[in-house]
Amino acid sequence: MKYLAPYKTEFAHMVQQGDLTLHLQDDAAADILLPIAELVGRRPSKSMRRTFTGCLSGTTSRLFVKTVEIDSLPSRFRITYGLQRRSGGYDWPVAELINTVEAFQRGVPVPRLRGFGYSRRGVRMVKELFLISDMLDDHLDGRRWLSHPDMQIEPFLRSVFALFEELHGKQVSHLDLWVGNIMLHPQKPGELKVVDLENCYIGHPPYWSEVLGFQFAFLFLRLVQDHIDEARYDLLVHAALDGYPGIDRVGFERVYSVCKHQQISRKKRRDLLLSGNLQLRG
């Protein structure tokens, strides 16, 4: 896995147990090795795709761990040897590692990644990846916040819109930015963090007006529309666009007006970013 060498340098403290290898920032998180090994060991020998996302605790550490078992042989081959998919980009678990490290270095408000790991037997192909990050115990995701008795939708949306602007200013385009991937502190609801960066584009997107149109629309489509009238949401969005000098309003509206009411796949979101084309069928 030579292509992961830069990240092994970033996370230079290595610990191993059996088939499991973790690369960590330092030894402070090394006690998470045993809980991860126990998690893997408790699984049935045969089942459908197995994943885990949540808190694991060592003797002193308490960390957020995300595991993804690699089911298909083509994915295992690509991940083991650092190959990209035919359509471009790495498989989602690798992409999340790369994007999270890059976003953190750019100053994006993301939980700090403490390390990553993989499971492989000897020189065989990788069969599972692990991401390890700080646990945001004092935060709620936006989905839970929308059901909070103190929730006020418009201040929340303005904070999210400011987060969009911050991410674009640092050239990070999150293509799955719904309320479930936004974390906030109940006592500081204006200070947001973003998670789940597997479907991101780092750099200035070729069609950023269209990307922005999708992001505002996707936020509305996934749960927000249950809490605010569409016409009022449109007014807030158009006011927020004043913070984007040079935006192509025609391109923005072409995507925004459609994607408020229709889901598009991850692959098509990527195509939109690179080509500006919005393909809704096929």
Protein backbone atom coordinates (compact mmCIF):
# COMPACT_ATOMS: atom_id res chain seq x y z
CA MET A 1 0.00 0.00 0.00
CA LYS A 2 2.73 2.40 -1.05
CA TYR A 3 0.21 5.02 -2.17
CA LEU A 4 -0.73 5.51 1.50
CA ALA A 5 2.87 6.32 2.42
CA PRO A 6 2.21 10.08 2.94
CA TYR A 7 -0.57 9.23 5.38
CA LYS A 8 1.58 6.68 7.16
CA THR A 9 4.04 9.52 7.67
CA GLU A 10 1.25 11.76 8.97
CA PHE A 11 0.20 8.96 11.34
CA ALA A 12 3.60 7.53 12.15
CA HIS A 13 2.82 5.52 15.28
CA MET A 14 2.03 1.97 14.14
CA VAL A 15 0.44 -0.75 16.27
CA GLN A 16 -0.50 -4.27 15.18
CA GLN A 17 -2.46 -7.24 16.41
CA GLY A 18 -3.00 -10.27 14.21
CA ASP A 19 -4.28 -9.14 10.81
CA LEU A 20 -5.03 -5.64 12.09
CA THR A 21 -2.67 -2.67 11.58
CA LEU A 22 -3.34 0.86 12.82
CA HIS A 23 -1.40 4.02 11.93
CA LEU A 24 -1.94 6.67 14.61
CA GLN A 25 -0.75 10.20 15.32
CA ASP A 26 0.87 9.11 18.58
CA ASP A 27 0.66 6.44 21.24
CA ALA A 28 -2.13 8.27 23.10
CA ALA A 29 -4.73 6.47 20.98
CA ALA A 30 -2.93 3.13 20.81
CA ASP A 31 -5.27 1.57 23.37
CA ILE A 32 -8.04 1.63 20.75
CA LEU A 33 -6.35 -1.34 19.03
CA LEU A 34 -7.80 -3.94 21.38
CA PRO A 35 -11.44 -2.70 21.17
CA ILE A 36 -11.24 -2.68 17.36
CA ALA A 37 -9.72 -6.18 17.34
CA GLU A 38 -12.47 -7.39 19.68
CA LEU A 39 -15.13 -5.78 17.46
CA VAL A 40 -13.79 -7.61 14.41
CA GLY A 41 -13.48 -10.86 16.34
CA ARG A 42 -17.10 -10.80 17.51
CA ARG A 43 -18.49 -10.76 13.99
CA PRO A 44 -20.09 -13.84 12.46
CA SER A 45 -17.92 -15.65 9.93
CA LYS A 46 -20.44 -15.16 7.13
CA SER A 47 -22.87 -12.31 6.66
CA MET A 48 -23.73 -9.51 4.31
CA ARG A 49 -21.72 -6.28 4.26
CA ARG A 50 -20.56 -5.44 7.79
CA THR A 51 -19.87 -1.92 8.99
CA PHE A 52 -19.59 -0.14 12.31
CA THR A 53 -19.83 3.56 13.03
CA GLY A 54 -19.69 4.81 16.59
CA CYS A 55 -17.75 5.17 19.81
CA LEU A 56 -15.13 2.72 21.04
CA SER A 57 -13.22 3.16 24.29
CA GLY A 58 -9.78 2.01 25.30
CA THR A 59 -8.34 2.19 28.81
CA THR A 60 -8.01 5.99 28.58
CA SER A 61 -9.16 7.03 25.11
CA ARG A 62 -12.68 7.45 23.77
CA LEU A 63 -12.74 7.73 19.99
CA PHE A 64 -15.08 7.65 17.01
CA VAL A 65 -14.38 4.64 14.84
CA LYS A 66 -15.74 3.97 11.37
CA THR A 67 -15.14 0.60 9.77
CA VAL A 68 -15.96 -0.50 6.25
CA GLU A 69 -15.54 -4.09 5.14
CA ILE A 70 -14.55 -4.32 1.50
CA ASP A 71 -16.88 -6.82 -0.12
CA SER A 72 -15.97 -6.99 -3.78
CA LEU A 73 -12.71 -8.33 -5.17
CA PRO A 74 -12.29 -5.36 -7.57
CA SER A 75 -12.56 -2.93 -4.63
CA ARG A 76 -10.11 -4.96 -2.56
CA PHE A 77 -7.67 -5.02 -5.46
CA ARG A 78 -7.92 -1.24 -6.04
CA ILE A 79 -7.57 -0.39 -2.36
CA THR A 80 -4.63 -2.74 -1.84
CA TYR A 81 -2.70 -1.45 -4.84
CA GLY A 82 -3.77 2.20 -4.81
CA LEU A 83 -5.77 2.16 -8.02
CA GLN A 84 -8.62 4.51 -8.85
CA ARG A 85 -12.04 3.51 -10.10
CA ARG A 86 -12.73 3.53 -13.82
CA SER A 87 -14.96 6.58 -13.35
CA GLY A 88 -12.17 8.39 -11.45
CA GLY A 89 -11.37 8.81 -7.78
CA TYR A 90 -10.61 6.27 -5.08
CA ASP A 91 -13.06 3.92 -3.42
CA TRP A 92 -15.13 5.67 -0.76
CA PRO A 93 -13.19 4.57 2.38
CA VAL A 94 -9.86 5.68 0.89
CA ALA A 95 -11.41 8.90 -0.40
CA GLU A 96 -12.70 9.73 3.08
CA LEU A 97 -9.22 9.29 4.57
CA ILE A 98 -7.59 11.51 1.94
CA ASN A 99 -10.33 14.17 2.00
CA THR A 100 -10.49 14.37 5.80
CA VAL A 101 -6.74 14.87 6.13
CA GLU A 102 -6.71 17.52 3.38
CA ALA A 103 -9.77 19.35 4.75
CA PHE A 104 -8.29 19.47 8.25
CA GLN A 105 -5.03 20.86 6.89
CA ARG A 106 -7.02 23.57 5.08
CA GLY A 107 -8.68 24.61 8.33
CA VAL A 108 -12.11 23.15 7.62
CA PRO A 109 -14.03 22.51 10.88
CA VAL A 110 -13.89 18.71 10.92
CA PRO A 111 -13.20 16.35 13.83
CA ARG A 112 -9.49 15.65 14.07
CA LEU A 113 -8.53 12.36 12.43
CA ARG A 114 -6.41 10.41 14.91
CA GLY A 115 -5.46 7.60 12.58
CA PHE A 116 -6.49 4.89 10.17
CA GLY A 117 -6.01 1.19 9.79
CA TYR A 118 -6.68 -1.88 7.73
CA SER A 119 -7.10 -5.60 8.05
CA ARG A 120 -5.18 -7.94 5.76
CA ARG A 121 -3.58 -11.33 6.20
CA GLY A 122 0.08 -11.27 5.26
CA VAL A 123 0.45 -10.01 1.70
CA ARG A 124 -3.16 -10.76 0.80
CA MET A 125 -5.55 -8.01 -0.23
CA VAL A 126 -7.03 -5.56 2.25
CA LYS A 127 -10.43 -6.68 3.48
CA GLU A 128 -11.40 -3.83 5.81
CA LEU A 129 -10.51 -0.19 6.46
CA PHE A 130 -10.78 1.77 9.71
CA LEU A 131 -10.93 5.53 10.32
CA ILE A 132 -10.35 6.82 13.86
CA SER A 133 -11.21 10.37 14.89
CA ASP A 134 -12.04 12.52 17.91
CA MET A 135 -15.40 11.76 19.51
CA LEU A 136 -17.75 14.77 19.52
CA ASP A 137 -19.53 13.78 22.73
CA ASP A 138 -20.91 17.26 23.35
CA HIS A 139 -22.35 17.68 19.83
CA LEU A 140 -25.59 16.73 18.10
CA ASP A 141 -26.00 16.05 14.43
CA GLY A 142 -28.34 18.38 12.58
CA ARG A 143 -30.98 15.68 12.25
CA ARG A 144 -31.32 15.48 16.03
CA TRP A 145 -31.11 19.27 16.33
CA LEU A 146 -34.15 19.66 14.07
CA SER A 147 -36.19 17.79 16.69
CA HIS A 148 -34.70 19.74 19.60
CA PRO A 149 -37.26 21.85 21.55
CA ASP A 150 -35.00 24.93 21.40
CA MET A 151 -34.38 24.65 17.66
CA GLN A 152 -35.00 27.76 15.55
CA ILE A 153 -34.81 26.88 11.90
CA GLU A 154 -33.72 30.20 10.36
CA PRO A 155 -30.69 30.86 12.62
CA PHE A 156 -29.69 27.25 12.07
CA LEU A 157 -29.92 27.62 8.30
CA ARG A 158 -27.92 30.84 8.31
CA SER A 159 -25.18 29.03 10.23
CA VAL A 160 -25.23 26.19 7.71
CA PHE A 161 -25.09 28.66 4.81
CA ALA A 162 -22.06 30.28 6.46
CA LEU A 163 -20.51 26.81 6.67
CA PHE A 164 -21.09 26.36 2.92
CA GLU A 165 -19.31 29.66 2.28
CA GLU A 166 -16.40 28.70 4.55
CA LEU A 167 -15.93 25.36 2.80
CA HIS A 168 -16.03 26.95 -0.64
CA GLY A 169 -13.53 29.57 0.50
CA LYS A 170 -11.16 26.73 1.41
CA GLN A 171 -11.94 24.91 -1.85
CA VAL A 172 -13.68 21.91 -0.29
CA SER A 173 -16.91 20.88 -2.00
CA HIS A 174 -18.86 18.43 0.16
CA LEU A 175 -21.31 16.58 -2.10
CA ASP A 176 -23.27 14.86 0.67
CA LEU A 177 -23.85 17.81 2.96
CA TRP A 178 -27.24 17.18 4.53
CA VAL A 179 -28.16 17.92 8.16
CA GLY A 180 -27.06 14.46 9.32
CA ASN A 181 -23.48 15.33 8.33
CA ILE A 182 -23.47 18.62 10.24
CA MET A 183 -22.59 18.62 13.94
CA LEU A 184 -23.33 21.40 16.41
CA HIS A 185 -23.02 22.13 20.09
CA PRO A 186 -26.46 22.84 21.67
CA GLN A 187 -25.00 25.76 23.68
CA LYS A 188 -23.12 27.10 20.63
CA PRO A 189 -25.42 26.26 17.70
CA GLY A 190 -23.62 28.67 15.40
CA GLU A 191 -20.33 26.76 15.63
CA LEU A 192 -20.69 23.85 13.23
CA LYS A 193 -18.51 20.94 12.26
CA VAL A 194 -18.84 18.78 9.16
CA VAL A 195 -18.36 15.02 8.97
CA ASP A 196 -18.44 12.16 6.44
CA LEU A 197 -16.14 13.59 3.78
CA GLU A 198 -15.95 10.55 1.53
CA ASN A 199 -17.85 12.29 -1.27
CA CYS A 200 -15.87 15.54 -1.53
CA TYR A 201 -13.93 17.43 -4.16
CA ILE A 202 -10.76 19.19 -3.03
CA GLY A 203 -9.83 22.20 -5.13
CA HIS A 204 -11.81 24.75 -7.08
CA PRO A 205 -14.61 22.83 -8.85
CA PRO A 206 -14.91 23.50 -12.58
CA TYR A 207 -18.65 24.19 -12.22
CA TRP A 208 -18.86 25.63 -8.74
CA SER A 209 -22.11 27.57 -9.32
CA GLU A 210 -23.86 24.32 -10.23
CA VAL A 211 -22.28 22.57 -7.23
CA LEU A 212 -23.52 25.30 -4.95
CA GLY A 213 -26.99 24.99 -6.46
CA PHE A 214 -26.95 21.29 -5.70
CA GLN A 215 -25.74 21.82 -2.12
CA PHE A 216 -28.47 24.30 -1.21
CA ALA A 217 -31.07 22.09 -2.88
CA PHE A 218 -29.83 18.88 -1.24
CA LEU A 219 -29.99 20.49 2.20
CA PHE A 220 -33.64 21.39 1.59
CA LEU A 221 -34.53 17.98 0.17
CA ARG A 222 -33.14 16.03 3.12
CA LEU A 223 -35.38 16.95 6.09
CA VAL A 224 -35.15 20.76 6.05
CA GLN A 225 -38.26 21.00 3.88
CA ASP A 226 -40.24 19.56 6.81
CA HIS A 227 -39.41 22.64 8.89
CA ILE A 228 -39.66 25.62 6.56
CA ASP A 229 -41.82 26.80 3.70
CA GLU A 230 -40.10 26.47 0.32
CA ALA A 231 -40.70 30.08 -0.67
CA ARG A 232 -39.15 31.30 2.58
CA TYR A 233 -36.19 28.96 2.11
CA ASP A 234 -35.68 30.36 -1.39
CA LEU A 235 -35.51 33.89 0.03
CA LEU A 236 -32.87 32.88 2.57
CA VAL A 237 -30.85 31.11 -0.12
CA HIS A 238 -30.91 34.06 -2.51
CA ALA A 239 -29.82 36.38 0.30
CA ALA A 240 -26.92 34.00 1.06
CA LEU A 241 -25.79 34.10 -2.58
CA ASP A 242 -24.69 37.71 -2.08
CA GLY A 243 -21.63 36.21 -0.38
CA TYR A 244 -20.54 34.60 -3.65
CA PRO A 245 -19.31 37.27 -6.06
CA GLY A 246 -19.13 36.07 -9.63
CA ILE A 247 -21.61 33.25 -9.23
CA ASP A 248 -23.42 32.15 -12.38
CA ARG A 249 -27.01 32.59 -11.25
CA VAL A 250 -28.40 30.86 -14.34
CA GLY A 251 -26.29 27.77 -13.73
CA PHE A 252 -27.13 27.86 -10.03
CA GLU A 253 -30.89 28.08 -10.61
CA ARG A 254 -30.88 25.36 -13.27
CA VAL A 255 -29.61 22.87 -10.71
CA TYR A 256 -31.18 24.31 -7.58
CA SER A 257 -34.74 24.35 -8.92
CA VAL A 258 -34.61 20.68 -9.90
CA CYS A 259 -32.58 19.14 -7.09
CA LYS A 260 -34.81 20.56 -4.36
CA HIS A 261 -37.29 17.87 -5.34
CA GLN A 262 -35.27 15.08 -6.92
CA GLN A 263 -32.45 12.96 -5.59
CA ILE A 264 -29.40 12.36 -7.79
CA SER A 265 -26.78 9.68 -7.27
CA ARG A 266 -23.28 10.26 -5.96
CA LYS A 267 -21.83 9.49 -9.38
CA LYS A 268 -24.10 12.06 -11.02
CA ARG A 269 -23.16 14.67 -8.43
CA ARG A 270 -19.53 14.13 -9.41
CA ASP A 271 -20.43 14.41 -13.08
CA LEU A 272 -22.26 17.66 -12.35
CA LEU A 273 -19.20 19.09 -10.63
CA LEU A 274 -16.86 18.19 -13.50
CA SER A 275 -19.10 18.81 -16.52
CA GLY A 276 -21.93 21.07 -15.35
CA ASN A 277 -24.41 18.56 -16.79
CA LEU A 278 -27.34 17.44 -14.70
CA GLN A 279 -28.41 13.98 -15.83
CA LEU A 280 -31.62 12.90 -14.16
CA ARG A 281 -32.29 9.65 -15.99
CA GLY A 282 -30.31 6.55 -16.76
